[in-house]
Structure formats: C-alpha cells, structure tokens
Amino acid sequence: MLICKVVKPLVSTNRIADFQHKHLQVVLDGSTQKVAVDAVGAIPGDWVICVGSSAAREAAGSKSYPSDLTIVGIIDHWDPDAAKEMAAGKPANPAAPSGSGGAN
C-alpha cells in the first residue's frame, strides 16, 4: 500500500471498454505523479491509500480490470512532515522541557 496525495482528476473520454466509467485521478507518490483508478470518490488535496498490482485490479472491481494503481481509502488525518520525522528516527512528539517553576 502507498500513501499518496490526489493532485487532480484525469479525464479520458476515449478509452478501452474495460475501463468502463471509472474515475481516474493524478496522485503524487513522493515527487512522482501517477494515475490511479478512484474507487472511493477522492478530491484534489485528499491524502489517500493506494494499492497496486493484482490488489489494484481487484479493488477496481475485477481481476481482469486494466489497473496497476487504485485508490481504496481516504485518510482522515495525515501529517506528512511528522511522518518524515518518524522515518528519520526523530520522535513525533518530543517531551516538553521540564520547567523549574511550579508550586513550592
């Protein structure tokens, strides 16, 4: 699974019949733009969960569906900066410094 950001819809009026009327979205995976089948109704700016390979085809509705990336979920809250810090081994919420004040 991948976490991607929806950039914009992709309109393709001339396409093979197997694509049916599925919505397509341009998503950003890091700095790479990819096209994903939208199975959940995401909008630009949404952070989404995407699946690839045979899982993408099945999530789009058929194992024979011609997709290698499908949006399967919209993330309610995602902080990409905190995720980068965690990946770098930094604590996501460092403990507040202890103060010298307080009740005596």
N, C-alpha and C. Protein backbone atom coordinates (compact mmCIF):
# COMPACT_ATOMS: atom_id res chain seq x y z
N MET A 1 0.84 -1.18 0.00
CA MET A 1 0.00 0.00 0.00
C MET A 1 0.88 1.24 0.00
N LEU A 2 0.36 2.30 -0.58
CA LEU A 2 1.06 3.57 -0.65
C LEU A 2 0.18 4.67 -0.08
N ILE A 3 0.81 5.70 0.47
CA ILE A 3 0.10 6.91 0.85
C ILE A 3 0.45 7.94 -0.21
N CYS A 4 -0.58 8.46 -0.88
CA CYS A 4 -0.39 9.43 -1.96
C CYS A 4 -1.31 10.62 -1.73
N LYS A 5 -1.03 11.71 -2.43
CA LYS A 5 -1.89 12.90 -2.39
C LYS A 5 -2.54 13.08 -3.75
N VAL A 6 -3.86 13.29 -3.75
CA VAL A 6 -4.58 13.50 -5.00
C VAL A 6 -4.26 14.89 -5.52
N VAL A 7 -3.81 14.96 -6.78
CA VAL A 7 -3.44 16.24 -7.39
C VAL A 7 -4.61 16.81 -8.18
N LYS A 8 -5.17 16.00 -9.08
CA LYS A 8 -6.28 16.48 -9.92
C LYS A 8 -6.92 15.30 -10.63
N PRO A 9 -8.18 15.49 -11.08
CA PRO A 9 -8.82 14.43 -11.86
C PRO A 9 -8.16 14.33 -13.23
N LEU A 10 -8.25 13.16 -13.82
CA LEU A 10 -7.75 12.95 -15.17
C LEU A 10 -8.92 12.50 -16.02
N VAL A 11 -9.22 13.26 -17.07
CA VAL A 11 -10.35 12.96 -17.93
C VAL A 11 -9.83 12.31 -19.20
N SER A 12 -10.39 11.15 -19.51
CA SER A 12 -10.04 10.42 -20.72
C SER A 12 -11.33 9.90 -21.33
N THR A 13 -11.82 10.59 -22.37
CA THR A 13 -13.10 10.21 -22.95
C THR A 13 -12.98 9.05 -23.93
N ASN A 14 -11.84 8.91 -24.58
CA ASN A 14 -11.61 7.80 -25.50
C ASN A 14 -10.73 6.78 -24.81
N ARG A 15 -11.32 5.67 -24.37
CA ARG A 15 -10.57 4.64 -23.68
C ARG A 15 -11.19 3.27 -23.95
N ILE A 16 -10.46 2.22 -23.62
CA ILE A 16 -10.95 0.88 -23.90
C ILE A 16 -12.19 0.58 -23.07
N ALA A 17 -13.00 -0.32 -23.57
CA ALA A 17 -14.27 -0.64 -22.92
C ALA A 17 -14.08 -1.17 -21.50
N ASP A 18 -12.99 -1.88 -21.25
CA ASP A 18 -12.76 -2.43 -19.91
C ASP A 18 -12.60 -1.36 -18.84
N PHE A 19 -12.27 -0.13 -19.24
CA PHE A 19 -12.14 0.95 -18.26
C PHE A 19 -13.50 1.42 -17.76
N GLN A 20 -14.57 1.04 -18.46
CA GLN A 20 -15.93 1.41 -18.10
C GLN A 20 -15.99 2.92 -17.84
N HIS A 21 -16.62 3.32 -16.77
CA HIS A 21 -16.74 4.75 -16.45
C HIS A 21 -16.08 5.06 -15.12
N LYS A 22 -15.03 4.36 -14.80
CA LYS A 22 -14.31 4.59 -13.55
C LYS A 22 -13.61 5.95 -13.61
N HIS A 23 -13.60 6.64 -12.47
CA HIS A 23 -12.91 7.92 -12.38
C HIS A 23 -11.41 7.68 -12.23
N LEU A 24 -10.63 8.55 -12.85
CA LEU A 24 -9.18 8.49 -12.74
C LEU A 24 -8.68 9.74 -12.03
N GLN A 25 -7.64 9.60 -11.24
CA GLN A 25 -7.03 10.72 -10.53
C GLN A 25 -5.53 10.70 -10.75
N VAL A 26 -4.95 11.89 -10.85
CA VAL A 26 -3.49 12.01 -10.81
C VAL A 26 -3.12 12.11 -9.34
N VAL A 27 -2.24 11.22 -8.89
CA VAL A 27 -1.80 11.23 -7.49
C VAL A 27 -0.30 11.43 -7.44
N LEU A 28 0.15 11.96 -6.33
CA LEU A 28 1.56 12.21 -6.11
C LEU A 28 2.10 11.21 -5.10
N ASP A 29 3.07 10.41 -5.55
CA ASP A 29 3.75 9.45 -4.69
C ASP A 29 5.16 9.98 -4.51
N GLY A 30 5.39 10.70 -3.41
CA GLY A 30 6.67 11.40 -3.25
C GLY A 30 6.72 12.54 -4.25
N SER A 31 7.64 12.48 -5.20
CA SER A 31 7.71 13.52 -6.23
C SER A 31 7.28 12.98 -7.59
N THR A 32 6.72 11.77 -7.62
CA THR A 32 6.32 11.13 -8.87
C THR A 32 4.81 11.17 -9.04
N GLN A 33 4.36 11.69 -10.20
CA GLN A 33 2.93 11.67 -10.50
C GLN A 33 2.56 10.33 -11.12
N LYS A 34 1.44 9.77 -10.66
CA LYS A 34 0.93 8.51 -11.18
C LYS A 34 -0.57 8.66 -11.42
N VAL A 35 -1.11 7.77 -12.24
CA VAL A 35 -2.55 7.75 -12.47
C VAL A 35 -3.14 6.59 -11.69
N ALA A 36 -4.22 6.87 -10.95
CA ALA A 36 -4.87 5.84 -10.15
C ALA A 36 -6.36 5.81 -10.45
N VAL A 37 -6.94 4.63 -10.45
CA VAL A 37 -8.38 4.48 -10.52
C VAL A 37 -8.93 4.87 -9.16
N ASP A 38 -9.97 5.71 -9.16
CA ASP A 38 -10.55 6.19 -7.91
C ASP A 38 -11.80 5.39 -7.57
N ALA A 39 -11.68 4.48 -6.62
CA ALA A 39 -12.81 3.63 -6.22
C ALA A 39 -13.60 4.22 -5.05
N VAL A 40 -13.17 5.39 -4.52
CA VAL A 40 -13.80 5.90 -3.30
C VAL A 40 -14.30 7.34 -3.40
N GLY A 41 -14.06 8.04 -4.49
CA GLY A 41 -14.55 9.42 -4.64
C GLY A 41 -13.67 10.47 -4.00
N ALA A 42 -12.36 10.33 -4.13
CA ALA A 42 -11.42 11.31 -3.57
C ALA A 42 -11.47 12.61 -4.36
N ILE A 43 -11.04 13.70 -3.72
CA ILE A 43 -10.97 15.00 -4.38
C ILE A 43 -9.55 15.54 -4.26
N PRO A 44 -9.18 16.49 -5.13
CA PRO A 44 -7.83 17.06 -5.04
C PRO A 44 -7.54 17.58 -3.63
N GLY A 45 -6.33 17.26 -3.16
CA GLY A 45 -5.91 17.65 -1.82
C GLY A 45 -6.05 16.53 -0.81
N ASP A 46 -6.87 15.52 -1.11
CA ASP A 46 -7.03 14.39 -0.19
C ASP A 46 -5.76 13.55 -0.14
N TRP A 47 -5.42 13.07 1.05
CA TRP A 47 -4.39 12.04 1.22
C TRP A 47 -5.12 10.72 1.14
N VAL A 48 -4.61 9.81 0.35
CA VAL A 48 -5.31 8.56 0.09
C VAL A 48 -4.40 7.34 0.25
N ILE A 49 -5.03 6.19 0.44
CA ILE A 49 -4.33 4.91 0.46
C ILE A 49 -4.53 4.27 -0.90
N CYS A 50 -3.44 3.88 -1.53
CA CYS A 50 -3.49 3.23 -2.84
C CYS A 50 -2.91 1.83 -2.75
N VAL A 51 -3.46 0.94 -3.57
CA VAL A 51 -2.90 -0.40 -3.69
C VAL A 51 -2.50 -0.61 -5.14
N GLY A 52 -1.52 -1.49 -5.33
CA GLY A 52 -1.03 -1.75 -6.67
C GLY A 52 -1.13 -3.22 -7.03
N SER A 53 -0.72 -3.53 -8.24
CA SER A 53 -0.63 -4.90 -8.74
C SER A 53 -2.00 -5.55 -8.80
N SER A 54 -2.09 -6.83 -8.47
CA SER A 54 -3.36 -7.55 -8.58
C SER A 54 -4.39 -7.00 -7.59
N ALA A 55 -3.94 -6.46 -6.45
CA ALA A 55 -4.87 -5.86 -5.49
C ALA A 55 -5.56 -4.64 -6.10
N ALA A 56 -4.85 -3.90 -6.96
CA ALA A 56 -5.43 -2.73 -7.62
C ALA A 56 -6.53 -3.15 -8.58
N ARG A 57 -6.32 -4.22 -9.30
CA ARG A 57 -7.34 -4.69 -10.25
C ARG A 57 -8.57 -5.19 -9.50
N GLU A 58 -8.36 -5.95 -8.45
CA GLU A 58 -9.49 -6.47 -7.69
C GLU A 58 -10.26 -5.33 -7.00
N ALA A 59 -9.55 -4.35 -6.46
CA ALA A 59 -10.20 -3.21 -5.80
C ALA A 59 -10.99 -2.37 -6.79
N ALA A 60 -10.56 -2.36 -8.05
CA ALA A 60 -11.28 -1.61 -9.08
C ALA A 60 -12.53 -2.34 -9.54
N GLY A 61 -12.69 -3.59 -9.13
CA GLY A 61 -13.92 -4.31 -9.44
C GLY A 61 -13.77 -5.60 -10.20
N SER A 62 -12.58 -5.90 -10.71
CA SER A 62 -12.40 -7.12 -11.48
C SER A 62 -10.92 -7.46 -11.57
N LYS A 63 -10.62 -8.76 -11.49
CA LYS A 63 -9.22 -9.17 -11.63
C LYS A 63 -8.70 -8.93 -13.03
N SER A 64 -9.60 -8.77 -14.00
CA SER A 64 -9.17 -8.51 -15.37
C SER A 64 -9.15 -7.01 -15.70
N TYR A 65 -9.48 -6.17 -14.71
CA TYR A 65 -9.51 -4.72 -14.94
C TYR A 65 -8.09 -4.21 -15.19
N PRO A 66 -7.90 -3.35 -16.20
CA PRO A 66 -6.55 -2.88 -16.55
C PRO A 66 -6.05 -1.74 -15.66
N SER A 67 -5.74 -2.04 -14.42
CA SER A 67 -5.24 -1.01 -13.50
C SER A 67 -4.06 -1.56 -12.71
N ASP A 68 -3.07 -0.71 -12.48
CA ASP A 68 -1.97 -1.12 -11.60
C ASP A 68 -1.88 -0.22 -10.37
N LEU A 69 -2.86 0.71 -10.20
CA LEU A 69 -2.91 1.55 -9.01
C LEU A 69 -4.36 1.97 -8.78
N THR A 70 -4.89 1.67 -7.60
CA THR A 70 -6.27 2.01 -7.28
C THR A 70 -6.33 2.66 -5.91
N ILE A 71 -7.11 3.76 -5.82
CA ILE A 71 -7.35 4.43 -4.54
C ILE A 71 -8.41 3.63 -3.79
N VAL A 72 -8.07 3.17 -2.58
CA VAL A 72 -9.00 2.34 -1.81
C VAL A 72 -9.46 2.99 -0.51
N GLY A 73 -8.89 4.14 -0.15
CA GLY A 73 -9.30 4.81 1.09
C GLY A 73 -8.86 6.25 1.12
N ILE A 74 -9.64 7.07 1.80
CA ILE A 74 -9.29 8.48 2.03
C ILE A 74 -8.85 8.59 3.48
N ILE A 75 -7.69 9.16 3.71
CA ILE A 75 -7.13 9.28 5.06
C ILE A 75 -7.75 10.49 5.75
N ASP A 76 -8.28 10.28 6.95
CA ASP A 76 -8.93 11.36 7.69
C ASP A 76 -7.94 12.42 8.15
N HIS A 77 -6.76 12.00 8.61
CA HIS A 77 -5.75 12.96 9.06
C HIS A 77 -4.38 12.39 8.75
N TRP A 78 -3.55 13.17 8.09
CA TRP A 78 -2.19 12.74 7.76
C TRP A 78 -1.28 13.95 7.81
N ASP A 79 -0.22 13.86 8.59
CA ASP A 79 0.78 14.93 8.68
C ASP A 79 2.06 14.42 8.03
N PRO A 80 2.30 14.78 6.76
CA PRO A 80 3.47 14.25 6.07
C PRO A 80 4.79 14.67 6.71
N ASP A 81 4.82 15.85 7.34
CA ASP A 81 6.06 16.29 8.00
C ASP A 81 6.38 15.40 9.20
N ALA A 82 5.37 15.06 9.99
CA ALA A 82 5.59 14.18 11.14
C ALA A 82 6.02 12.80 10.68
N ALA A 83 5.44 12.35 9.56
CA ALA A 83 5.81 11.03 9.03
C ALA A 83 7.28 11.02 8.60
N LYS A 84 7.74 12.12 8.00
CA LYS A 84 9.15 12.20 7.59
C LYS A 84 10.07 12.18 8.81
N GLU A 85 9.67 12.89 9.86
CA GLU A 85 10.48 12.91 11.09
C GLU A 85 10.54 11.52 11.71
N MET A 86 9.42 10.81 11.73
CA MET A 86 9.41 9.46 12.30
C MET A 86 10.30 8.53 11.48
N ALA A 87 10.26 8.67 10.16
CA ALA A 87 11.10 7.84 9.29
C ALA A 87 12.57 8.13 9.51
N ALA A 88 12.88 9.36 9.89
CA ALA A 88 14.27 9.74 10.15
C ALA A 88 14.71 9.39 11.56
N GLY A 89 13.81 8.81 12.36
CA GLY A 89 14.15 8.39 13.71
C GLY A 89 13.97 9.46 14.76
N LYS A 90 13.34 10.57 14.39
CA LYS A 90 13.08 11.63 15.37
C LYS A 90 11.74 11.36 16.03
N PRO A 91 11.60 11.71 17.31
CA PRO A 91 10.31 11.49 17.98
C PRO A 91 9.25 12.39 17.38
N ALA A 92 8.04 11.86 17.22
CA ALA A 92 6.95 12.63 16.63
C ALA A 92 6.48 13.73 17.57
N ASN A 93 6.50 13.48 18.88
CA ASN A 93 6.06 14.45 19.87
C ASN A 93 7.08 14.50 20.99
N PRO A 94 8.15 15.28 20.84
CA PRO A 94 9.16 15.30 21.89
C PRO A 94 8.56 15.77 23.21
N ALA A 95 9.05 15.23 24.29
CA ALA A 95 8.55 15.61 25.62
C ALA A 95 8.83 17.08 25.86
N ALA A 96 7.89 17.72 26.50
CA ALA A 96 8.07 19.14 26.81
C ALA A 96 9.19 19.29 27.82
N PRO A 97 10.02 20.32 27.67
CA PRO A 97 11.11 20.50 28.62
C PRO A 97 10.56 20.74 30.02
N SER A 98 11.21 20.16 31.00
CA SER A 98 10.74 20.34 32.37
C SER A 98 11.15 21.72 32.86
N GLY A 99 10.21 22.43 33.41
CA GLY A 99 10.49 23.79 33.89
C GLY A 99 10.91 23.78 35.34
N SER A 100 11.47 24.88 35.80
CA SER A 100 11.90 24.97 37.19
C SER A 100 10.81 25.60 38.05
N GLY A 101 9.73 26.04 37.40
CA GLY A 101 8.65 26.67 38.16
C GLY A 101 7.74 25.63 38.78
N GLY A 102 6.68 26.08 39.38
CA GLY A 102 5.72 25.15 39.98
C GLY A 102 5.46 25.53 41.41
N ALA A 103 4.56 24.80 42.03
CA ALA A 103 4.18 25.09 43.41
C ALA A 103 5.29 24.65 44.35
N ASN A 104 5.53 25.44 45.38
CA ASN A 104 6.53 25.12 46.40
C ASN A 104 5.87 24.70 47.65
